[in-house]
Amino acid sequence: MMTINVAVLLAVIVVMRLRRRTQARSRREERTTAFLVLTLGILIAPTPIGQGVFHGIGQLVRGVSQAGS
């Protein structure tokens, strides 16, 4: 029996949608893509990978803010 991780499936769908040309998108398609990306973020956030990305971005932001002051 094969299982499909919902986050992986959603990531594949988002990548396929983002590969389309921007001019060919309607507002409805853009909203749908934004909803899918938001849902993907919510699914990935509690995972160890999501936490690692969160900490990495936090360190980057801290470094940039310290360099600016």
PDB file of N, CA and C in Angstrom:
ATOM      1  N   MET A   1       0.827  -1.169   0.000  1.00  0.00           N
ATOM      2  CA  MET A   1       0.000   0.000   0.000  1.00  0.00           C
ATOM      3  C   MET A   1       0.881   1.246   0.000  1.00  0.00           C
ATOM      4  N   MET A   2       0.526   2.223  -0.837  1.00  0.00           N
ATOM      5  CA  MET A   2       1.320   3.441  -0.959  1.00  0.00           C
ATOM      6  C   MET A   2       0.547   4.617  -0.359  1.00  0.00           C
ATOM      7  N   THR A   3       1.228   5.418   0.445  1.00  0.00           N
ATOM      8  CA  THR A   3       0.584   6.602   1.009  1.00  0.00           C
ATOM      9  C   THR A   3       1.187   7.839   0.365  1.00  0.00           C
ATOM     10  N   ILE A   4       0.392   8.875   0.300  1.00  0.00           N
ATOM     11  CA  ILE A   4       0.849  10.135  -0.286  1.00  0.00           C
ATOM     12  C   ILE A   4       0.818  11.196   0.805  1.00  0.00           C
ATOM     13  N   ASN A   5       1.924  11.840   1.017  1.00  0.00           N
ATOM     14  CA  ASN A   5       1.997  12.926   1.969  1.00  0.00           C
ATOM     15  C   ASN A   5       1.294  14.134   1.354  1.00  0.00           C
ATOM     16  N   VAL A   6       0.337  14.701   2.066  1.00  0.00           N
ATOM     17  CA  VAL A   6      -0.460  15.812   1.545  1.00  0.00           C
ATOM     18  C   VAL A   6       0.424  17.019   1.243  1.00  0.00           C
ATOM     19  N   ALA A   7       1.410  17.295   2.079  1.00  0.00           N
ATOM     20  CA  ALA A   7       2.290  18.442   1.863  1.00  0.00           C
ATOM     21  C   ALA A   7       3.097  18.270   0.573  1.00  0.00           C
ATOM     22  N   VAL A   8       3.576  17.068   0.313  1.00  0.00           N
ATOM     23  CA  VAL A   8       4.340  16.814  -0.914  1.00  0.00           C
ATOM     24  C   VAL A   8       3.441  16.970  -2.134  1.00  0.00           C
ATOM     25  N   LEU A   9       2.248  16.426  -2.069  1.00  0.00           N
ATOM     26  CA  LEU A   9       1.306  16.551  -3.171  1.00  0.00           C
ATOM     27  C   LEU A   9       0.969  18.018  -3.425  1.00  0.00           C
ATOM     28  N   LEU A  10       0.736  18.777  -2.375  1.00  0.00           N
ATOM     29  CA  LEU A  10       0.431  20.190  -2.511  1.00  0.00           C
ATOM     30  C   LEU A  10       1.617  20.960  -3.076  1.00  0.00           C
ATOM     31  N   ALA A  11       2.822  20.603  -2.672  1.00  0.00           N
ATOM     32  CA  ALA A  11       4.025  21.256  -3.206  1.00  0.00           C
ATOM     33  C   ALA A  11       4.147  21.020  -4.709  1.00  0.00           C
ATOM     34  N   VAL A  12       3.867  19.823  -5.150  1.00  0.00           N
ATOM     35  CA  VAL A  12       3.919  19.516  -6.587  1.00  0.00           C
ATOM     36  C   VAL A  12       2.879  20.344  -7.331  1.00  0.00           C
ATOM     37  N   ILE A  13       1.681  20.458  -6.791  1.00  0.00           N
ATOM     38  CA  ILE A  13       0.626  21.246  -7.430  1.00  0.00           C
ATOM     39  C   ILE A  13       1.030  22.716  -7.512  1.00  0.00           C
ATOM     40  N   VAL A  14       1.610  23.249  -6.436  1.00  0.00           N
ATOM     41  CA  VAL A  14       2.028  24.653  -6.433  1.00  0.00           C
ATOM     42  C   VAL A  14       3.107  24.885  -7.475  1.00  0.00           C
ATOM     43  N   VAL A  15       4.090  24.007  -7.559  1.00  0.00           N
ATOM     44  CA  VAL A  15       5.162  24.159  -8.543  1.00  0.00           C
ATOM     45  C   VAL A  15       4.596  24.123  -9.961  1.00  0.00           C
ATOM     46  N   MET A  16       3.682  23.224 -10.223  1.00  0.00           N
ATOM     47  CA  MET A  16       3.088  23.139 -11.556  1.00  0.00           C
ATOM     48  C   MET A  16       2.293  24.403 -11.885  1.00  0.00           C
ATOM     49  N   ARG A  17       1.586  24.957 -10.903  1.00  0.00           N
ATOM     50  CA  ARG A  17       0.801  26.170 -11.144  1.00  0.00           C
ATOM     51  C   ARG A  17       1.705  27.380 -11.352  1.00  0.00           C
ATOM     52  N   LEU A  18       2.807  27.448 -10.627  1.00  0.00           N
ATOM     53  CA  LEU A  18       3.702  28.600 -10.738  1.00  0.00           C
ATOM     54  C   LEU A  18       4.544  28.579 -12.013  1.00  0.00           C
ATOM     55  N   ARG A  19       4.625  27.450 -12.668  1.00  0.00           N
ATOM     56  CA  ARG A  19       5.405  27.365 -13.906  1.00  0.00           C
ATOM     57  C   ARG A  19       4.689  28.029 -15.075  1.00  0.00           C
ATOM     58  N   ARG A  20       3.373  28.248 -14.943  1.00  0.00           N
ATOM     59  CA  ARG A  20       2.606  28.887 -16.023  1.00  0.00           C
ATOM     60  C   ARG A  20       3.006  30.343 -16.174  1.00  0.00           C
ATOM     61  N   ARG A  21       2.772  30.886 -17.347  1.00  0.00           N
ATOM     62  CA  ARG A  21       3.069  32.292 -17.592  1.00  0.00           C
ATOM     63  C   ARG A  21       2.145  33.182 -16.769  1.00  0.00           C
ATOM     64  N   THR A  22       2.689  34.262 -16.260  1.00  0.00           N
ATOM     65  CA  THR A  22       1.929  35.167 -15.416  1.00  0.00           C
ATOM     66  C   THR A  22       0.785  35.819 -16.190  1.00  0.00           C
ATOM     67  N   GLN A  23       1.008  36.181 -17.450  1.00  0.00           N
ATOM     68  CA  GLN A  23      -0.016  36.872 -18.225  1.00  0.00           C
ATOM     69  C   GLN A  23      -1.232  35.994 -18.474  1.00  0.00           C
ATOM     70  N   ALA A  24      -1.076  34.690 -18.423  1.00  0.00           N
ATOM     71  CA  ALA A  24      -2.172  33.782 -18.736  1.00  0.00           C
ATOM     72  C   ALA A  24      -3.061  33.502 -17.528  1.00  0.00           C
ATOM     73  N   ARG A  25      -2.773  34.086 -16.381  1.00  0.00           N
ATOM     74  CA  ARG A  25      -3.526  33.789 -15.168  1.00  0.00           C
ATOM     75  C   ARG A  25      -4.673  34.768 -14.963  1.00  0.00           C
ATOM     76  N   SER A  26      -5.781  34.255 -14.534  1.00  0.00           N
ATOM     77  CA  SER A  26      -6.902  35.110 -14.149  1.00  0.00           C
ATOM     78  C   SER A  26      -6.795  35.401 -12.656  1.00  0.00           C
ATOM     79  N   ARG A  27      -7.625  36.310 -12.177  1.00  0.00           N
ATOM     80  CA  ARG A  27      -7.601  36.615 -10.737  1.00  0.00           C
ATOM     81  C   ARG A  27      -7.997  35.397  -9.919  1.00  0.00           C
ATOM     82  N   ARG A  28      -8.934  34.636 -10.447  1.00  0.00           N
ATOM     83  CA  ARG A  28      -9.365  33.429  -9.728  1.00  0.00           C
ATOM     84  C   ARG A  28      -8.212  32.442  -9.591  1.00  0.00           C
ATOM     85  N   GLU A  29      -7.433  32.272 -10.660  1.00  0.00           N
ATOM     86  CA  GLU A  29      -6.281  31.360 -10.593  1.00  0.00           C
ATOM     87  C   GLU A  29      -5.244  31.871  -9.604  1.00  0.00           C
ATOM     88  N   GLU A  30      -5.029  33.192  -9.576  1.00  0.00           N
ATOM     89  CA  GLU A  30      -4.062  33.751  -8.637  1.00  0.00           C
ATOM     90  C   GLU A  30      -4.505  33.535  -7.194  1.00  0.00           C
ATOM     91  N   ARG A  31      -5.788  33.712  -6.927  1.00  0.00           N
ATOM     92  CA  ARG A  31      -6.312  33.484  -5.574  1.00  0.00           C
ATOM     93  C   ARG A  31      -6.182  32.016  -5.178  1.00  0.00           C
ATOM     94  N   THR A  32      -6.467  31.133  -6.123  1.00  0.00           N
ATOM     95  CA  THR A  32      -6.355  29.703  -5.847  1.00  0.00           C
ATOM     96  C   THR A  32      -4.909  29.335  -5.530  1.00  0.00           C
ATOM     97  N   THR A  33      -3.976  29.867  -6.311  1.00  0.00           N
ATOM     98  CA  THR A  33      -2.558  29.593  -6.072  1.00  0.00           C
ATOM     99  C   THR A  33      -2.129  30.140  -4.713  1.00  0.00           C
ATOM    100  N   ALA A  34      -2.572  31.349  -4.375  1.00  0.00           N
ATOM    101  CA  ALA A  34      -2.229  31.932  -3.079  1.00  0.00           C
ATOM    102  C   ALA A  34      -2.787  31.079  -1.938  1.00  0.00           C
ATOM    103  N   PHE A  35      -4.002  30.589  -2.083  1.00  0.00           N
ATOM    104  CA  PHE A  35      -4.604  29.718  -1.072  1.00  0.00           C
ATOM    105  C   PHE A  35      -3.808  28.418  -0.924  1.00  0.00           C
ATOM    106  N   LEU A  36      -3.396  27.833  -2.048  1.00  0.00           N
ATOM    107  CA  LEU A  36      -2.620  26.593  -2.001  1.00  0.00           C
ATOM    108  C   LEU A  36      -1.270  26.814  -1.323  1.00  0.00           C
ATOM    109  N   VAL A  37      -0.616  27.932  -1.617  1.00  0.00           N
ATOM    110  CA  VAL A  37       0.679  28.228  -1.002  1.00  0.00           C
ATOM    111  C   VAL A  37       0.519  28.445   0.498  1.00  0.00           C
ATOM    112  N   LEU A  38      -0.530  29.156   0.898  1.00  0.00           N
ATOM    113  CA  LEU A  38      -0.786  29.361   2.321  1.00  0.00           C
ATOM    114  C   LEU A  38      -1.053  28.041   3.030  1.00  0.00           C
ATOM    115  N   THR A  39      -1.847  27.184   2.421  1.00  0.00           N
ATOM    116  CA  THR A  39      -2.136  25.874   2.998  1.00  0.00           C
ATOM    117  C   THR A  39      -0.864  25.037   3.104  1.00  0.00           C
ATOM    118  N   LEU A  40      -0.017  25.093   2.075  1.00  0.00           N
ATOM    119  CA  LEU A  40       1.255  24.363   2.106  1.00  0.00           C
ATOM    120  C   LEU A  40       2.118  24.854   3.263  1.00  0.00           C
ATOM    121  N   GLY A  41       2.163  26.168   3.454  1.00  0.00           N
ATOM    122  CA  GLY A  41       2.941  26.725   4.569  1.00  0.00           C
ATOM    123  C   GLY A  41       2.436  26.250   5.917  1.00  0.00           C
ATOM    124  N   ILE A  42       1.118  26.174   6.053  1.00  0.00           N
ATOM    125  CA  ILE A  42       0.538  25.705   7.312  1.00  0.00           C
ATOM    126  C   ILE A  42       0.870  24.234   7.543  1.00  0.00           C
ATOM    127  N   LEU A  43       0.887  23.435   6.485  1.00  0.00           N
ATOM    128  CA  LEU A  43       1.196  22.012   6.632  1.00  0.00           C
ATOM    129  C   LEU A  43       2.670  21.773   6.938  1.00  0.00           C
ATOM    130  N   ILE A  44       3.548  22.606   6.387  1.00  0.00           N
ATOM    131  CA  ILE A  44       4.987  22.409   6.565  1.00  0.00           C
ATOM    132  C   ILE A  44       5.486  22.983   7.882  1.00  0.00           C
ATOM    133  N   ALA A  45       4.849  24.038   8.390  1.00  0.00           N
ATOM    134  CA  ALA A  45       5.341  24.768   9.570  1.00  0.00           C
ATOM    135  C   ALA A  45       5.651  23.896  10.781  1.00  0.00           C
ATOM    136  N   PRO A  46       4.786  22.945  11.177  1.00  0.00           N
ATOM    137  CA  PRO A  46       5.098  22.190  12.394  1.00  0.00           C
ATOM    138  C   PRO A  46       6.134  21.080  12.198  1.00  0.00           C
ATOM    139  N   THR A  47       6.596  20.847  10.992  1.00  0.00           N
ATOM    140  CA  THR A  47       7.559  19.776  10.745  1.00  0.00           C
ATOM    141  C   THR A  47       8.968  20.248  11.087  1.00  0.00           C
ATOM    142  N   PRO A  48       9.911  19.329  11.271  1.00  0.00           N
ATOM    143  CA  PRO A  48      11.296  19.736  11.535  1.00  0.00           C
ATOM    144  C   PRO A  48      11.890  20.587  10.406  1.00  0.00           C
ATOM    145  N   ILE A  49      11.521  20.296   9.164  1.00  0.00           N
ATOM    146  CA  ILE A  49      12.016  21.096   8.036  1.00  0.00           C
ATOM    147  C   ILE A  49      11.477  22.516   8.142  1.00  0.00           C
ATOM    148  N   GLY A  50      10.191  22.642   8.433  1.00  0.00           N
ATOM    149  CA  GLY A  50       9.583  23.962   8.584  1.00  0.00           C
ATOM    150  C   GLY A  50      10.203  24.756   9.711  1.00  0.00           C
ATOM    151  N   GLN A  51      10.486  24.087  10.827  1.00  0.00           N
ATOM    152  CA  GLN A  51      11.127  24.763  11.952  1.00  0.00           C
ATOM    153  C   GLN A  51      12.543  25.199  11.594  1.00  0.00           C
ATOM    154  N   GLY A  52      13.257  24.376  10.842  1.00  0.00           N
ATOM    155  CA  GLY A  52      14.602  24.738  10.402  1.00  0.00           C
ATOM    156  C   GLY A  52      14.594  25.952   9.494  1.00  0.00           C
ATOM    157  N   VAL A  53      13.646  25.995   8.569  1.00  0.00           N
ATOM    158  CA  VAL A  53      13.513  27.157   7.682  1.00  0.00           C
ATOM    159  C   VAL A  53      13.175  28.400   8.509  1.00  0.00           C
ATOM    160  N   PHE A  54      12.263  28.253   9.462  1.00  0.00           N
ATOM    161  CA  PHE A  54      11.872  29.369  10.321  1.00  0.00           C
ATOM    162  C   PHE A  54      13.076  29.927  11.075  1.00  0.00           C
ATOM    163  N   HIS A  55      13.879  29.047  11.671  1.00  0.00           N
ATOM    164  CA  HIS A  55      15.057  29.500  12.420  1.00  0.00           C
ATOM    165  C   HIS A  55      16.092  30.118  11.487  1.00  0.00           C
ATOM    166  N   GLY A  56      16.267  29.544  10.303  1.00  0.00           N
ATOM    167  CA  GLY A  56      17.216  30.095   9.339  1.00  0.00           C
ATOM    168  C   GLY A  56      16.826  31.495   8.885  1.00  0.00           C
ATOM    169  N   ILE A  57      15.554  31.699   8.604  1.00  0.00           N
ATOM    170  CA  ILE A  57      15.090  33.024   8.198  1.00  0.00           C
ATOM    171  C   ILE A  57      15.214  34.005   9.363  1.00  0.00           C
ATOM    172  N   GLY A  58      14.932  33.537  10.568  1.00  0.00           N
ATOM    173  CA  GLY A  58      15.075  34.390  11.748  1.00  0.00           C
ATOM    174  C   GLY A  58      16.509  34.869  11.930  1.00  0.00           C
ATOM    175  N   GLN A  59      17.477  33.986  11.741  1.00  0.00           N
ATOM    176  CA  GLN A  59      18.875  34.348  11.855  1.00  0.00           C
ATOM    177  C   GLN A  59      19.283  35.342  10.761  1.00  0.00           C
ATOM    178  N   LEU A  60      18.762  35.128   9.547  1.00  0.00           N
ATOM    179  CA  LEU A  60      19.049  36.024   8.436  1.00  0.00           C
ATOM    180  C   LEU A  60      18.516  37.422   8.731  1.00  0.00           C
ATOM    181  N   VAL A  61      17.295  37.502   9.230  1.00  0.00           N
ATOM    182  CA  VAL A  61      16.686  38.796   9.549  1.00  0.00           C
ATOM    183  C   VAL A  61      17.461  39.497  10.658  1.00  0.00           C
ATOM    184  N   ARG A  62      17.843  38.736  11.681  1.00  0.00           N
ATOM    185  CA  ARG A  62      18.642  39.327  12.770  1.00  0.00           C
ATOM    186  C   ARG A  62      19.959  39.854  12.257  1.00  0.00           C
ATOM    187  N   GLY A  63      20.613  39.102  11.374  1.00  0.00           N
ATOM    188  CA  GLY A  63      21.891  39.556  10.807  1.00  0.00           C
ATOM    189  C   GLY A  63      21.748  40.819   9.985  1.00  0.00           C
ATOM    190  N   VAL A  64      20.689  40.899   9.194  1.00  0.00           N
ATOM    191  CA  VAL A  64      20.466  42.073   8.370  1.00  0.00           C
ATOM    192  C   VAL A  64      20.132  43.278   9.246  1.00  0.00           C
ATOM    193  N   SER A  65      19.325  43.075  10.272  1.00  0.00           N
ATOM    194  CA  SER A  65      18.959  44.206  11.144  1.00  0.00           C
ATOM    195  C   SER A  65      20.156  44.694  11.955  1.00  0.00           C
ATOM    196  N   GLN A  66      21.051  43.796  12.362  1.00  0.00           N
ATOM    197  CA  GLN A  66      22.255  44.210  13.090  1.00  0.00           C
ATOM    198  C   GLN A  66      23.220  44.931  12.173  1.00  0.00           C
ATOM    199  N   ALA A  67      23.291  44.523  10.912  1.00  0.00           N
ATOM    200  CA  ALA A  67      24.189  45.181   9.970  1.00  0.00           C
ATOM    201  C   ALA A  67      23.692  46.578   9.633  1.00  0.00           C
ATOM    202  N   GLY A  68      22.372  46.782   9.692  1.00  0.00           N
ATOM    203  CA  GLY A  68      21.812  48.092   9.389  1.00  0.00           C
ATOM    204  C   GLY A  68      21.917  49.083  10.539  1.00  0.00           C
ATOM    205  N   SER A  69      22.192  48.596  11.753  1.00  0.00           N
ATOM    206  CA  SER A  69      22.264  49.536  12.883  1.00  0.00           C
ATOM    207  C   SER A  69      23.659  49.871  13.286  1.00  0.00           C
TER     208      SER A  69
END
